[in-house]
Amino acid sequence: MDELLVSSRAAAKAGFHRNQKVHIILSSESCDLDSVVSSLAMAYFLSRTSSGPPGCSLVFPVLNIPRSQFHLRADVLLLLREAGITMETLVFRDEVDLARLHGNRRLALTLVDHNILPSKDSDLQGAVVEVIDPHILERTPSFSCPVTMEMVMSCATLVMEQILSRAPEILDQQLALLLYGETQGHRRHCVLCRCVCLLSVLCRCYCLLSVLCRCVSVSCLSSAGVTVSRVSSAGVSVSCVSSAGVSVSRVFSAGVSVSCLSSAGVSVSPVAGKVRGKDSQMFQLLQTQFPDLPHRDALHSALRSAKFDLSGFTTEQILLNNMKTVAGGDLRVAVSIVYMSLDLFLQRTNLQQEICHFCQSHHLDAVVAMTISFNDQSDEPVRQVAIYSSNLLYRQEINHALLNSHSPTLCLSPASSPYKDILTYHQDNALASRRNVIPVLTHFLSDWWQREVHCGAGGEELEDQLDQSDVMIYDTFPVNEESADLSDADRLPHVYSACCHHQRRLQLGAGDYGNVEEDYRGRMMPPPPPMNSLVDGCPLDSSFNQEALLEKFSRMGGGEEEQVGMGNKRGVKFQ
């Protein structure tokens, strides 16, 4: 692998030969440990087997971040150092002009640990020739671009599976250490998932047993004098029992709530256990074939300690450490994994001001920070969420999308926040990671973009098509001393319209948006009706009829004709 990395770095510095076509294995923009290892391993595999696209004489990995940000990935640096790979031999995104290569038809891309390019790289979509990713598929499969997508814990597992099936002889100690360091990092999480799956199966069996023992239909309950309202008050969820495979007609007789299954985001199908087992299988194979690999617990502890050591990091560096962006129209949202507890994150000095500056520097409209920490008593992760945007509409809409997520349910409960522009939550579903949140936000932004397109067309059709709860957000302004004497009728809520919001942005531009035309007792008000200089006062101020208005214009027109005639008699020339 060292030879591959050195030659790749030299070719990138030289700008490649004039007609040389290159095949780049591109990591995800988060550039975490899984993504980096998968990119290096896949590039090494393709270079050794010459199984890439025809005509590509050079295959090499590219890490999808600027070189200046790589020092933030302490766990990645640690594993690469253990494997004898130096940072100087790596190629980063800011060192290769992918757009120029694609424009010259000299680029082929393989995506690892992601299956769709971010919006800023949408022009490169035609260069993608293969995808290897364990996340939810967001692209349309095609014959020209094969997709390897399986819901395993690690993308490195899928890469290793290809290596073992097609070229097992290339698996040496260095490559094994990289794959071992990544897959074992997911092993404990994998065990936790399998335990929860087992628990869910036991709950399902108990639910089915309850149905068999208490198989009473609703009609029988009614004949027995039991009202439906009393049955519903038993706390049994129809949707949850249905998802457990129980007939809805027997829901009320079960007397068992399995909401914990859906809230945990766990599939009780046998497939779930099977795909989780593939990670463990690859991990055990590496242990057997390479017994000299470091002890799994020692390496795991070292990598986790390096990942969670954020001492000396600025808020910007913490957010950049593991960040992905999603976009819809002109709305861009960053989703960052923050390796500390929410309390410690909120205690950072001038946090809201620094996140605001971060958004301005990176052209973002909002930030979703997903904090992760661990209890001293167990290895179970503690997840919390912080949502920031200086725009109330953005903040509330993103908040609404996450709270109403059902695949999976995040189980968010409000947490205290000292900042007005930061909403915070405890996430009770510890198994729902960013890979689950990204599709939720992608769907939300796609819907947002559709709203923006409809509103940009200039019509009010969006107001007619969408429910008011989807279009309006109400914010009651706080009462100050000047407005303390207002009656309840005067304290009208401030109404934001998504349609009008986009129309105003399109008309004024993002920089001018939000200027207040007139302030009335601290409240944003619409501008007054325009005054007509040709009449005394505004015709909208009082009732009028069409005949009277036309007669008035006629008299004014006649007066102008008299003035013109008098001017001609006096020899006055009008320019």
Foldseek 3Di string as FASTA:
>chain_A
DLVLLQVVLVCLVVQHDPQAAAEEEEFALLQALLRVLLRQLLQVLCVVVVPDDPRHPHYHYEYEDDLVLPVLRQLNCVLCVVLVHDSSSHHYDVSHDLVVCVVVVRYAYEYFQDADDAPVCNVCVVRYQEYQHAFDDDDDDDPRYYYHYHNEPGSLLVSVVVCVVPPVPVDDPSSLSSSLLVLLLCLVVLVVLVVVLVVLVVLLVLLVVLCVVQVDFPVNCVVVVHDPVVLVVLPFDLVQNVLSVDDSRSRSRSSDHPVVCQLLLHRNDVVSNVNHVSSVVSNVVSCVVCVPHDDSVVSSVVSLVRNLPCPPPDPLSQQSNRWDWHAADLAIEIEGEGADDPVVQLPDPPNLVVVVVSCVVVVHFKYKYWYWYADPVDRQIWIKIKIFGPDPVVRVLLVVLLCPDVSGNQCWDWDDHPDPRMTMTGGPNSSDDVSSVVVSVNVSSNVLNVLLVVLVVPDPVVVVPDDCVNFKDWDFDDDDPQRPPPDPVVRDTDIGGSSVQSVQCVVPNPVPPPDAPDADSNDRDDDDDDFDPVDDGRPVVDDDDPVVVVVSVVVVVVVVVVVVVVCVVVVHDDD
